[in-house]
Amino acid sequence: MPDLRTLAEEDFCYLTTTGRVSGRPHEIEIWFSLVPQTRTLYMLSGGRDRSDWVQNILRDPGVTVCIAGEKFSGVAREALDPEEDELARRLLVEKYESRPGSLANWRRTALPVVVDLST
């Protein structure tokens, strides 16, 4: 079994959803934060629910996540709980705040998406 703590340090993951129209796999590269203890992965969608990948998840929440060549199945969902919403925003901004540019607007306006990874 891969060490999730090490994978959490990676810069990005690949998220594969099922296309809501085509039914074909749709893969994106995206920033993420992973909480190894709970096997929970967080992402922020700058396009909110207009993003193709978010629309795909709303149709079919079953996803695959690949981090550094390690693949995981999971179930994606919007972070509806206010505490989980804030956790997602905080973890992602803390991880990527050293990047050029301000993430303040992204933190405030993006849609938090959660993937519960299978065990």
Protein backbone atom coordinates (compact mmCIF):
# COMPACT_ATOMS: atom_id res chain seq x y z
CA MET A 1 0.00 0.00 0.00
CA PRO A 2 1.40 3.42 -0.94
CA ASP A 3 2.38 5.88 1.78
CA LEU A 4 -0.35 8.53 1.64
CA ARG A 5 1.77 10.98 3.64
CA THR A 6 4.38 10.96 0.87
CA LEU A 7 1.74 11.25 -1.85
CA ALA A 8 0.20 14.24 -0.04
CA GLU A 9 3.43 16.15 -0.77
CA GLU A 10 2.99 15.86 -4.55
CA ASP A 11 2.17 19.06 -6.47
CA PHE A 12 -0.82 17.76 -8.39
CA CYS A 13 -2.99 14.74 -9.06
CA TYR A 14 -4.90 13.46 -12.06
CA LEU A 15 -8.64 13.23 -11.58
CA THR A 16 -10.63 11.04 -13.97
CA THR A 17 -14.37 11.50 -14.19
CA THR A 18 -16.92 9.93 -16.53
CA GLY A 19 -18.10 12.36 -19.19
CA ARG A 20 -21.73 13.23 -18.57
CA VAL A 21 -22.48 13.34 -22.31
CA SER A 22 -19.88 11.04 -23.88
CA GLY A 23 -19.66 8.45 -21.10
CA ARG A 24 -15.90 8.37 -21.74
CA PRO A 25 -13.16 8.93 -19.18
CA HIS A 26 -12.18 12.60 -18.78
CA GLU A 27 -8.87 13.32 -17.03
CA ILE A 28 -7.61 16.62 -15.65
CA GLU A 29 -4.48 17.65 -13.80
CA ILE A 30 -5.40 19.55 -10.65
CA TRP A 31 -4.03 20.88 -7.38
CA PHE A 32 -5.14 18.92 -4.33
CA SER A 33 -4.73 18.43 -0.64
CA LEU A 34 -4.80 14.95 0.88
CA VAL A 35 -5.49 14.11 4.52
CA PRO A 36 -3.86 10.67 4.87
CA GLN A 37 -5.54 9.77 8.18
CA THR A 38 -9.04 10.04 6.72
CA ARG A 39 -8.17 9.15 3.10
CA THR A 40 -9.89 12.39 2.07
CA LEU A 41 -8.75 14.44 -0.91
CA TYR A 42 -9.78 18.07 -1.40
CA MET A 43 -9.81 20.18 -4.57
CA LEU A 44 -11.10 23.64 -5.44
CA SER A 45 -12.93 24.37 -8.69
CA GLY A 46 -12.28 27.93 -9.81
CA GLY A 47 -15.11 27.57 -12.32
CA ARG A 48 -17.39 26.34 -9.53
CA ASP A 49 -20.16 24.05 -10.85
CA ARG A 50 -19.66 25.33 -14.41
CA SER A 51 -16.44 23.30 -14.70
CA ASP A 52 -16.81 20.21 -16.87
CA TRP A 53 -15.23 17.97 -14.25
CA VAL A 54 -17.64 19.19 -11.56
CA GLN A 55 -20.63 18.70 -13.87
CA ASN A 56 -19.37 15.17 -14.57
CA ILE A 57 -19.15 14.45 -10.83
CA LEU A 58 -22.68 15.71 -10.29
CA ARG A 59 -23.86 13.16 -12.87
CA ASP A 60 -21.60 10.29 -11.71
CA PRO A 61 -19.60 10.74 -8.48
CA GLY A 62 -17.42 7.67 -9.05
CA VAL A 63 -13.89 8.89 -9.85
CA THR A 64 -10.30 7.72 -10.13
CA VAL A 65 -7.42 9.72 -8.71
CA CYS A 66 -3.80 9.15 -9.73
CA ILE A 67 -1.00 10.62 -7.60
CA ALA A 68 2.61 9.94 -8.60
CA GLY A 69 1.52 6.85 -10.53
CA GLU A 70 -0.60 5.43 -7.69
CA LYS A 71 -4.28 5.00 -8.59
CA PHE A 72 -7.21 5.21 -6.21
CA SER A 73 -10.95 4.86 -6.66
CA GLY A 74 -13.20 7.25 -4.83
CA VAL A 75 -16.53 8.98 -4.56
CA ALA A 76 -16.61 12.74 -5.14
CA ARG A 77 -18.98 15.25 -3.64
CA GLU A 78 -19.37 18.93 -2.98
CA ALA A 79 -18.24 20.04 0.49
CA LEU A 80 -21.63 21.04 1.89
CA ASP A 81 -20.68 21.06 5.57
CA PRO A 82 -19.36 24.55 6.49
CA GLU A 83 -16.46 23.12 8.51
CA GLU A 84 -15.37 20.81 5.69
CA ASP A 85 -15.79 23.66 3.19
CA GLU A 86 -13.42 25.85 5.23
CA LEU A 87 -10.98 22.97 5.80
CA ALA A 88 -10.71 22.36 2.05
CA ARG A 89 -10.08 26.05 1.36
CA ARG A 90 -7.50 26.38 4.16
CA LEU A 91 -5.57 23.21 3.27
CA LEU A 92 -5.29 24.07 -0.42
CA VAL A 93 -4.26 27.68 0.10
CA GLU A 94 -1.70 26.66 2.74
CA LYS A 95 -0.22 24.08 0.36
CA TYR A 96 0.02 26.38 -2.67
CA GLU A 97 0.37 29.89 -1.18
CA SER A 98 4.07 30.02 -2.03
CA ARG A 99 3.17 30.09 -5.75
CA PRO A 100 3.32 33.41 -7.61
CA GLY A 101 0.15 35.47 -7.44
CA SER A 102 -2.52 35.80 -4.82
CA LEU A 103 -4.82 32.88 -4.02
CA ALA A 104 -7.16 35.02 -1.88
CA ASN A 105 -9.87 35.30 -4.54
CA TRP A 106 -9.57 31.59 -5.42
CA ARG A 107 -9.89 30.67 -1.76
CA ARG A 108 -12.98 32.83 -1.36
CA THR A 109 -14.85 32.00 -4.59
CA ALA A 110 -13.88 28.46 -5.66
CA LEU A 111 -16.12 25.45 -5.09
CA PRO A 112 -14.63 22.89 -2.66
CA VAL A 113 -14.90 19.32 -3.92
CA VAL A 114 -14.15 16.29 -1.74
CA VAL A 115 -13.11 12.79 -2.82
CA ASP A 116 -13.50 10.04 -0.26
CA LEU A 117 -10.88 7.50 -1.36
CA SER A 118 -11.74 3.81 -1.14
CA THR A 119 -9.81 1.74 1.37
